[in-house]
């Protein structure tokens, strides 16, 4: 064989080896990113929002507070049933892209999942804050009602 052909075979083999190493590194990096996203999703899903919703649901809300609670409760139900399932499907899809060495599609899917998780995180924070506000409002209203009842009993006793 000629020396030029041996050099060409060596260069092609070197390019293939470098390409394979780069592909393995990209795949491992994406796997780590996907695992981190899965962990973030699980942390968000495991927040005690259901317990907080149940605690507020058991309070005696009336009027605007009750309407606000229903809206926030519906938002949580939508998130827990739809948004988390969408993220799970997107994670599965991104893993498929990564396993089939379609790194550009995997990267795009990972960025999409990150933005979905960020939006859900903001929504959950807003829901939890609204539930806390409803608890404070109900506590304040209960205090006012008790004060009014005490005043009523005092006035009734004096009359």
N, C-alpha and C. Protein backbone atom coordinates (compact mmCIF):
# COMPACT_ATOMS: atom_id res chain seq x y z
N UNK A 1 0.83 -1.18 0.00
CA UNK A 1 0.00 0.00 0.00
C UNK A 1 0.88 1.24 0.00
N UNK A 2 0.33 2.24 -0.57
CA UNK A 2 1.12 3.47 -0.63
C UNK A 2 0.98 4.22 0.69
N UNK A 3 1.96 5.02 0.98
CA UNK A 3 1.95 5.77 2.24
C UNK A 3 0.83 6.79 2.28
N UNK A 4 0.41 7.31 1.14
CA UNK A 4 -0.69 8.28 1.08
C UNK A 4 -2.01 7.64 1.49
N UNK A 5 -2.22 6.40 1.07
CA UNK A 5 -3.44 5.69 1.43
C UNK A 5 -3.47 5.36 2.92
N UNK A 6 -2.33 5.01 3.48
CA UNK A 6 -2.25 4.71 4.92
C UNK A 6 -2.54 5.97 5.72
N UNK A 7 -2.00 7.09 5.30
CA UNK A 7 -2.25 8.36 5.98
C UNK A 7 -3.73 8.72 5.89
N UNK A 8 -4.34 8.52 4.76
CA UNK A 8 -5.76 8.81 4.57
C UNK A 8 -6.61 7.93 5.48
N UNK A 9 -6.30 6.65 5.54
CA UNK A 9 -7.04 5.73 6.43
C UNK A 9 -6.86 6.15 7.88
N UNK A 10 -5.64 6.54 8.25
CA UNK A 10 -5.38 6.99 9.61
C UNK A 10 -6.18 8.25 9.94
N UNK A 11 -6.24 9.21 9.01
CA UNK A 11 -6.98 10.45 9.23
C UNK A 11 -8.48 10.17 9.35
N UNK A 12 -9.01 9.33 8.50
CA UNK A 12 -10.43 8.97 8.57
C UNK A 12 -10.74 8.28 9.89
N UNK A 13 -9.88 7.36 10.31
CA UNK A 13 -10.08 6.66 11.58
C UNK A 13 -10.03 7.64 12.74
N UNK A 14 -9.11 8.58 12.69
CA UNK A 14 -8.98 9.58 13.74
C UNK A 14 -10.23 10.47 13.80
N UNK A 15 -10.73 10.86 12.62
CA UNK A 15 -11.95 11.68 12.58
C UNK A 15 -13.14 10.91 13.15
N UNK A 16 -13.25 9.64 12.80
CA UNK A 16 -14.33 8.81 13.34
C UNK A 16 -14.24 8.67 14.85
N UNK A 17 -13.04 8.48 15.35
CA UNK A 17 -12.85 8.34 16.80
C UNK A 17 -13.20 9.64 17.51
N UNK A 18 -12.73 10.76 16.98
CA UNK A 18 -13.03 12.06 17.58
C UNK A 18 -14.54 12.32 17.52
N UNK A 19 -15.16 12.01 16.40
CA UNK A 19 -16.61 12.18 16.28
C UNK A 19 -17.37 11.34 17.28
N UNK A 20 -16.94 10.11 17.47
CA UNK A 20 -17.59 9.22 18.43
C UNK A 20 -17.43 9.75 19.86
N UNK A 21 -16.25 10.21 20.20
CA UNK A 21 -15.99 10.74 21.54
C UNK A 21 -16.85 11.99 21.79
N UNK A 22 -16.94 12.85 20.79
CA UNK A 22 -17.76 14.06 20.92
C UNK A 22 -19.23 13.67 21.10
N UNK A 23 -19.70 12.69 20.33
CA UNK A 23 -21.09 12.24 20.45
C UNK A 23 -21.36 11.66 21.83
N UNK A 24 -20.45 10.89 22.35
CA UNK A 24 -20.64 10.31 23.69
C UNK A 24 -20.66 11.41 24.75
N UNK A 25 -19.80 12.38 24.62
CA UNK A 25 -19.77 13.49 25.58
C UNK A 25 -21.07 14.28 25.52
N UNK A 26 -21.54 14.60 24.31
CA UNK A 26 -22.80 15.33 24.18
C UNK A 26 -23.97 14.52 24.75
N UNK A 27 -23.96 13.24 24.50
CA UNK A 27 -25.03 12.39 25.01
C UNK A 27 -25.04 12.37 26.53
N UNK A 28 -23.87 12.22 27.14
CA UNK A 28 -23.78 12.22 28.61
C UNK A 28 -24.21 13.57 29.19
N UNK A 29 -23.81 14.65 28.54
CA UNK A 29 -24.20 15.98 29.02
C UNK A 29 -25.72 16.14 28.98
N UNK A 30 -26.33 15.73 27.87
CA UNK A 30 -27.79 15.81 27.76
C UNK A 30 -28.49 14.91 28.77
N UNK A 31 -27.92 13.73 29.02
CA UNK A 31 -28.50 12.84 30.03
C UNK A 31 -28.48 13.50 31.40
N UNK A 32 -27.39 14.18 31.72
CA UNK A 32 -27.30 14.88 33.00
C UNK A 32 -28.33 16.01 33.08
N UNK A 33 -28.47 16.76 31.99
CA UNK A 33 -29.46 17.84 31.96
C UNK A 33 -30.87 17.29 32.13
N UNK A 34 -31.17 16.20 31.46
CA UNK A 34 -32.50 15.59 31.55
C UNK A 34 -32.76 15.06 32.96
N UNK A 35 -31.75 14.49 33.58
CA UNK A 35 -31.91 14.00 34.96
C UNK A 35 -32.18 15.16 35.91
N UNK A 36 -31.48 16.28 35.71
CA UNK A 36 -31.70 17.46 36.55
C UNK A 36 -33.11 18.01 36.34
N UNK A 37 -33.58 18.03 35.09
CA UNK A 37 -34.93 18.51 34.82
C UNK A 37 -35.98 17.58 35.44
N UNK A 38 -35.75 16.30 35.37
CA UNK A 38 -36.66 15.33 36.00
C UNK A 38 -36.73 15.56 37.50
N UNK A 39 -35.58 15.83 38.10
CA UNK A 39 -35.53 16.10 39.54
C UNK A 39 -36.28 17.38 39.90
N UNK A 40 -36.10 18.44 39.09
CA UNK A 40 -36.83 19.69 39.32
C UNK A 40 -38.33 19.48 39.23
N UNK A 41 -38.74 18.70 38.23
CA UNK A 41 -40.17 18.41 38.04
C UNK A 41 -40.72 17.67 39.26
N UNK A 42 -39.98 16.68 39.74
CA UNK A 42 -40.43 15.92 40.91
C UNK A 42 -40.51 16.80 42.15
N UNK A 43 -39.54 17.68 42.34
CA UNK A 43 -39.58 18.59 43.49
C UNK A 43 -40.81 19.49 43.44
N UNK A 44 -41.11 20.01 42.25
CA UNK A 44 -42.30 20.85 42.11
C UNK A 44 -43.57 20.06 42.36
N UNK A 45 -43.62 18.86 41.82
CA UNK A 45 -44.82 18.04 41.97
C UNK A 45 -45.03 17.63 43.42
N UNK A 46 -43.95 17.44 44.15
CA UNK A 46 -44.05 16.98 45.54
C UNK A 46 -44.22 18.11 46.55
N UNK A 47 -44.31 19.34 46.09
CA UNK A 47 -44.59 20.44 47.02
C UNK A 47 -45.97 20.20 47.64
N UNK A 48 -46.17 20.64 48.88
CA UNK A 48 -47.43 20.33 49.58
C UNK A 48 -48.60 21.22 49.15
N UNK A 49 -48.75 21.44 47.86
CA UNK A 49 -49.82 22.32 47.38
C UNK A 49 -51.18 21.67 47.63
N UNK A 50 -51.28 20.35 47.42
CA UNK A 50 -52.56 19.67 47.69
C UNK A 50 -53.00 19.86 49.13
N UNK A 51 -52.07 19.73 50.07
CA UNK A 51 -52.39 19.92 51.48
C UNK A 51 -52.85 21.35 51.75
N UNK A 52 -52.17 22.31 51.13
CA UNK A 52 -52.54 23.71 51.31
C UNK A 52 -53.92 23.99 50.72
N UNK A 53 -54.21 23.39 49.56
CA UNK A 53 -55.52 23.56 48.94
C UNK A 53 -56.60 22.97 49.85
N UNK A 54 -56.34 21.79 50.39
CA UNK A 54 -57.32 21.14 51.27
C UNK A 54 -57.54 21.97 52.54
N UNK A 55 -56.47 22.55 53.07
CA UNK A 55 -56.61 23.37 54.28
C UNK A 55 -57.49 24.59 54.00
N UNK A 56 -57.30 25.22 52.86
CA UNK A 56 -58.11 26.39 52.52
C UNK A 56 -59.53 25.95 52.19
N UNK A 57 -59.66 24.79 51.55
CA UNK A 57 -60.99 24.30 51.18
C UNK A 57 -61.85 24.06 52.43
N UNK A 58 -61.22 23.66 53.52
CA UNK A 58 -61.95 23.38 54.77
C UNK A 58 -62.29 24.63 55.55
N UNK A 59 -61.81 25.76 55.11
CA UNK A 59 -62.14 27.03 55.77
C UNK A 59 -63.51 27.49 55.29
N UNK A 60 -64.08 28.39 56.02
CA UNK A 60 -65.40 28.90 55.67
C UNK A 60 -65.23 30.16 54.83
N UNK A 61 -65.00 29.95 53.56
CA UNK A 61 -64.83 31.08 52.65
C UNK A 61 -66.18 31.46 52.06
N UNK A 62 -66.36 32.75 51.90
CA UNK A 62 -67.59 33.23 51.27
C UNK A 62 -67.25 34.36 50.31
N UNK A 63 -68.13 34.61 49.39
CA UNK A 63 -68.01 35.75 48.49
C UNK A 63 -66.80 35.68 47.59
N UNK A 64 -66.09 36.79 47.53
CA UNK A 64 -64.93 36.92 46.64
C UNK A 64 -63.82 35.94 47.00
N UNK A 65 -63.66 35.66 48.27
CA UNK A 65 -62.63 34.70 48.69
C UNK A 65 -62.91 33.32 48.12
N UNK A 66 -64.16 32.93 48.15
CA UNK A 66 -64.54 31.62 47.63
C UNK A 66 -64.33 31.55 46.11
N UNK A 67 -64.66 32.61 45.42
CA UNK A 67 -64.46 32.66 43.97
C UNK A 67 -62.96 32.59 43.66
N UNK A 68 -62.17 33.35 44.39
CA UNK A 68 -60.72 33.33 44.18
C UNK A 68 -60.15 31.94 44.46
N UNK A 69 -60.63 31.31 45.52
CA UNK A 69 -60.16 29.96 45.84
C UNK A 69 -60.48 28.99 44.71
N UNK A 70 -61.69 29.06 44.19
CA UNK A 70 -62.06 28.15 43.10
C UNK A 70 -61.15 28.34 41.89
N UNK A 71 -60.82 29.59 41.58
CA UNK A 71 -59.93 29.86 40.43
C UNK A 71 -58.54 29.29 40.66
N UNK A 72 -57.98 29.51 41.86
CA UNK A 72 -56.64 29.00 42.15
C UNK A 72 -56.64 27.48 42.24
N UNK A 73 -57.71 26.92 42.79
CA UNK A 73 -57.82 25.47 42.86
C UNK A 73 -57.85 24.87 41.45
N UNK A 74 -58.63 25.49 40.56
CA UNK A 74 -58.71 25.00 39.18
C UNK A 74 -57.35 25.12 38.48
N UNK A 75 -56.64 26.20 38.76
CA UNK A 75 -55.31 26.37 38.18
C UNK A 75 -54.39 25.25 38.64
N UNK A 76 -54.45 24.89 39.92
CA UNK A 76 -53.62 23.80 40.43
C UNK A 76 -54.02 22.46 39.81
N UNK A 77 -55.30 22.22 39.69
CA UNK A 77 -55.76 20.97 39.07
C UNK A 77 -55.25 20.88 37.63
N UNK A 78 -55.35 21.97 36.89
CA UNK A 78 -54.85 21.98 35.52
C UNK A 78 -53.35 21.70 35.47
N UNK A 79 -52.61 22.34 36.36
CA UNK A 79 -51.16 22.11 36.40
C UNK A 79 -50.84 20.66 36.73
N UNK A 80 -51.48 20.15 37.77
CA UNK A 80 -51.12 18.80 38.23
C UNK A 80 -51.55 17.73 37.24
N UNK A 81 -52.64 17.94 36.53
CA UNK A 81 -53.11 16.92 35.59
C UNK A 81 -52.50 17.07 34.20
N UNK A 82 -52.36 18.29 33.72
CA UNK A 82 -51.95 18.50 32.32
C UNK A 82 -50.48 18.88 32.17
N UNK A 83 -50.05 19.89 32.89
CA UNK A 83 -48.71 20.43 32.67
C UNK A 83 -47.62 19.43 33.05
N UNK A 84 -47.79 18.75 34.17
CA UNK A 84 -46.78 17.78 34.56
C UNK A 84 -46.74 16.60 33.60
N UNK A 85 -47.90 16.21 33.08
CA UNK A 85 -47.93 15.13 32.08
C UNK A 85 -47.25 15.57 30.79
N UNK A 86 -47.45 16.82 30.39
CA UNK A 86 -46.78 17.34 29.20
C UNK A 86 -45.26 17.32 29.38
N UNK A 87 -44.81 17.73 30.55
CA UNK A 87 -43.37 17.73 30.81
C UNK A 87 -42.84 16.30 30.77
N UNK A 88 -43.56 15.38 31.35
CA UNK A 88 -43.13 13.98 31.34
C UNK A 88 -43.01 13.46 29.90
N UNK A 89 -43.99 13.78 29.07
CA UNK A 89 -43.94 13.38 27.66
C UNK A 89 -42.76 14.02 26.94
N UNK A 90 -42.53 15.29 27.21
CA UNK A 90 -41.41 15.99 26.57
C UNK A 90 -40.06 15.44 27.03
N UNK A 91 -39.97 15.06 28.31
CA UNK A 91 -38.73 14.43 28.80
C UNK A 91 -38.48 13.11 28.08
N UNK A 92 -39.52 12.32 27.91
CA UNK A 92 -39.39 11.04 27.22
C UNK A 92 -38.96 11.26 25.77
N UNK A 93 -39.56 12.25 25.13
CA UNK A 93 -39.22 12.58 23.74
C UNK A 93 -37.76 13.04 23.63
N UNK A 94 -37.33 13.88 24.56
CA UNK A 94 -35.96 14.38 24.54
C UNK A 94 -34.96 13.24 24.77
N UNK A 95 -35.32 12.32 25.65
CA UNK A 95 -34.44 11.16 25.86
C UNK A 95 -34.33 10.33 24.58
N UNK A 96 -35.42 10.20 23.86
CA UNK A 96 -35.39 9.48 22.59
C UNK A 96 -34.49 10.16 21.58
N UNK A 97 -34.60 11.48 21.48
CA UNK A 97 -33.72 12.23 20.57
C UNK A 97 -32.26 12.03 20.97
N UNK A 98 -32.00 12.11 22.27
CA UNK A 98 -30.63 11.98 22.74
C UNK A 98 -30.08 10.58 22.47
N UNK A 99 -30.90 9.56 22.69
CA UNK A 99 -30.44 8.19 22.47
C UNK A 99 -30.21 7.88 20.99
N UNK A 100 -30.91 8.60 20.12
CA UNK A 100 -30.71 8.36 18.69
C UNK A 100 -29.73 9.37 18.08
N UNK A 101 -28.97 10.05 18.93
CA UNK A 101 -27.90 10.98 18.53
C UNK A 101 -28.41 12.16 17.71
N UNK A 102 -29.65 12.57 17.94
CA UNK A 102 -30.17 13.79 17.31
C UNK A 102 -30.05 14.91 18.35
N UNK A 103 -28.85 15.41 18.46
CA UNK A 103 -28.51 16.32 19.54
C UNK A 103 -29.16 17.69 19.41
N UNK A 104 -29.33 18.19 18.21
CA UNK A 104 -29.96 19.49 18.03
C UNK A 104 -31.42 19.44 18.48
N UNK A 105 -32.14 18.38 18.11
CA UNK A 105 -33.52 18.24 18.54
C UNK A 105 -33.58 18.03 20.06
N UNK A 106 -32.65 17.27 20.59
CA UNK A 106 -32.60 17.05 22.04
C UNK A 106 -32.35 18.36 22.77
N UNK A 107 -31.43 19.16 22.26
CA UNK A 107 -31.13 20.46 22.89
C UNK A 107 -32.35 21.37 22.86
N UNK A 108 -33.04 21.40 21.74
CA UNK A 108 -34.25 22.22 21.62
C UNK A 108 -35.32 21.71 22.60
N UNK A 109 -35.48 20.41 22.69
CA UNK A 109 -36.47 19.84 23.62
C UNK A 109 -36.10 20.15 25.07
N UNK A 110 -34.82 20.09 25.40
CA UNK A 110 -34.38 20.40 26.76
C UNK A 110 -34.66 21.86 27.09
N UNK A 111 -34.40 22.75 26.16
CA UNK A 111 -34.70 24.17 26.38
C UNK A 111 -36.20 24.39 26.56
N UNK A 112 -37.00 23.69 25.80
CA UNK A 112 -38.45 23.78 25.92
C UNK A 112 -38.92 23.28 27.29
N UNK A 113 -38.35 22.19 27.74
CA UNK A 113 -38.72 21.63 29.05
C UNK A 113 -38.31 22.59 30.16
N UNK A 114 -37.13 23.18 30.05
CA UNK A 114 -36.68 24.15 31.05
C UNK A 114 -37.65 25.32 31.16
N UNK A 115 -38.11 25.83 30.01
CA UNK A 115 -39.04 26.95 30.05
C UNK A 115 -40.39 26.51 30.63
N UNK A 116 -40.84 25.30 30.31
CA UNK A 116 -42.09 24.79 30.90
C UNK A 116 -41.97 24.69 32.41
N UNK A 117 -40.87 24.15 32.89
CA UNK A 117 -40.69 23.99 34.33
C UNK A 117 -40.61 25.35 35.00
N UNK A 118 -39.94 26.31 34.37
CA UNK A 118 -39.88 27.66 34.94
C UNK A 118 -41.28 28.27 35.06
N UNK A 119 -42.10 28.10 34.02
CA UNK A 119 -43.47 28.64 34.06
C UNK A 119 -44.30 27.95 35.14
N UNK A 120 -44.17 26.65 35.25
CA UNK A 120 -44.92 25.92 36.28
C UNK A 120 -44.46 26.35 37.66
N UNK A 121 -43.17 26.54 37.82
CA UNK A 121 -42.64 27.00 39.11
C UNK A 121 -43.23 28.35 39.50
N UNK A 122 -43.30 29.26 38.54
CA UNK A 122 -43.90 30.57 38.80
C UNK A 122 -45.38 30.43 39.14
N UNK A 123 -46.09 29.57 38.40
CA UNK A 123 -47.52 29.36 38.68
C UNK A 123 -47.74 28.77 40.06
N UNK A 124 -46.92 27.80 40.43
CA UNK A 124 -47.07 27.17 41.75
C UNK A 124 -46.77 28.20 42.84
N UNK A 125 -45.76 29.01 42.63
CA UNK A 125 -45.46 30.06 43.61
C UNK A 125 -46.66 31.01 43.75
N UNK A 126 -47.26 31.38 42.64
CA UNK A 126 -48.42 32.28 42.68
C UNK A 126 -49.60 31.61 43.37
N UNK A 127 -49.82 30.34 43.11
CA UNK A 127 -50.92 29.61 43.76
C UNK A 127 -50.70 29.55 45.25
N UNK A 128 -49.50 29.18 45.66
CA UNK A 128 -49.21 29.08 47.10
C UNK A 128 -49.33 30.43 47.80
N UNK A 129 -48.89 31.49 47.13
CA UNK A 129 -49.01 32.83 47.70
C UNK A 129 -50.47 33.23 47.83
N UNK A 130 -51.27 32.93 46.81
CA UNK A 130 -52.69 33.25 46.85
C UNK A 130 -53.40 32.47 47.95
N UNK A 131 -53.05 31.21 48.12
CA UNK A 131 -53.65 30.41 49.19
C UNK A 131 -53.27 30.96 50.56
N UNK A 132 -52.03 31.39 50.69
CA UNK A 132 -51.60 31.99 51.95
C UNK A 132 -52.36 33.29 52.22
N UNK A 133 -52.57 34.08 51.18
CA UNK A 133 -53.34 35.32 51.33
C UNK A 133 -54.79 35.01 51.73
N UNK A 134 -55.36 33.96 51.13
CA UNK A 134 -56.72 33.57 51.50
C UNK A 134 -56.80 33.12 52.95
N UNK A 135 -55.78 32.41 53.41
CA UNK A 135 -55.75 31.99 54.82
C UNK A 135 -55.70 33.21 55.74
N UNK A 136 -54.85 34.17 55.40
CA UNK A 136 -54.74 35.38 56.22
C UNK A 136 -56.06 36.15 56.21
N UNK A 137 -56.66 36.27 55.04
CA UNK A 137 -57.92 36.99 54.92
C UNK A 137 -59.02 36.31 55.73
N UNK A 138 -59.08 34.98 55.65
CA UNK A 138 -60.10 34.25 56.40
C UNK A 138 -59.87 34.38 57.90
N UNK A 139 -58.61 34.35 58.31
CA UNK A 139 -58.29 34.52 59.73
C UNK A 139 -58.70 35.91 60.20
N UNK A 140 -58.41 36.92 59.39
CA UNK A 140 -58.79 38.29 59.74
C UNK A 140 -60.31 38.41 59.80
N UNK A 141 -60.99 37.83 58.82
CA UNK A 141 -62.46 37.89 58.80
C UNK A 141 -63.06 37.15 59.99
N UNK A 142 -62.49 36.02 60.36
CA UNK A 142 -62.99 35.28 61.53
C UNK A 142 -62.84 36.10 62.80
N UNK A 143 -61.71 36.79 62.89
CA UNK A 143 -61.50 37.66 64.05
C UNK A 143 -62.53 38.77 64.10
N UNK A 144 -62.85 39.33 62.97
CA UNK A 144 -63.86 40.39 62.92
C UNK A 144 -65.24 39.85 63.28
N UNK A 145 -65.55 38.65 62.79
CA UNK A 145 -66.85 38.05 63.10
C UNK A 145 -66.94 37.77 64.60
N UNK A 146 -65.88 37.21 65.18
CA UNK A 146 -65.89 36.95 66.62
C UNK A 146 -66.05 38.24 67.41
N UNK A 147 -65.35 39.28 66.98
CA UNK A 147 -65.49 40.56 67.66
C UNK A 147 -66.92 41.08 67.54
N UNK A 148 -67.50 40.96 66.36
CA UNK A 148 -68.89 41.41 66.16
C UNK A 148 -69.86 40.60 67.01
N UNK A 149 -69.63 39.29 67.12
CA UNK A 149 -70.50 38.45 67.96
C UNK A 149 -70.38 38.82 69.43
N UNK A 150 -69.14 39.07 69.87
CA UNK A 150 -68.95 39.49 71.26
C UNK A 150 -69.64 40.82 71.52
N UNK A 151 -69.49 41.74 70.59
CA UNK A 151 -70.15 43.03 70.72
C UNK A 151 -71.66 42.87 70.72
N UNK A 152 -72.19 42.01 69.87
CA UNK A 152 -73.61 41.74 69.81
C UNK A 152 -74.11 41.15 71.12
N UNK A 153 -73.38 40.18 71.66
CA UNK A 153 -73.78 39.58 72.94
C UNK A 153 -73.73 40.59 74.06
N UNK A 154 -72.71 41.44 74.06
CA UNK A 154 -72.61 42.47 75.09
C UNK A 154 -73.79 43.46 74.98
N UNK A 155 -74.09 43.90 73.75
CA UNK A 155 -75.21 44.81 73.56
C UNK A 155 -76.53 44.14 73.91
N UNK A 156 -76.67 42.89 73.58
CA UNK A 156 -77.91 42.17 73.86
C UNK A 156 -78.08 42.02 75.37
N UNK A 157 -76.99 41.80 76.07
CA UNK A 157 -77.03 41.66 77.53
C UNK A 157 -77.37 42.98 78.18
N UNK A 158 -76.83 44.09 77.66
CA UNK A 158 -77.12 45.38 78.26
C UNK A 158 -78.54 45.85 77.96
N UNK A 159 -79.11 45.43 76.84
CA UNK A 159 -80.47 45.82 76.47
C UNK A 159 -81.41 44.99 77.29
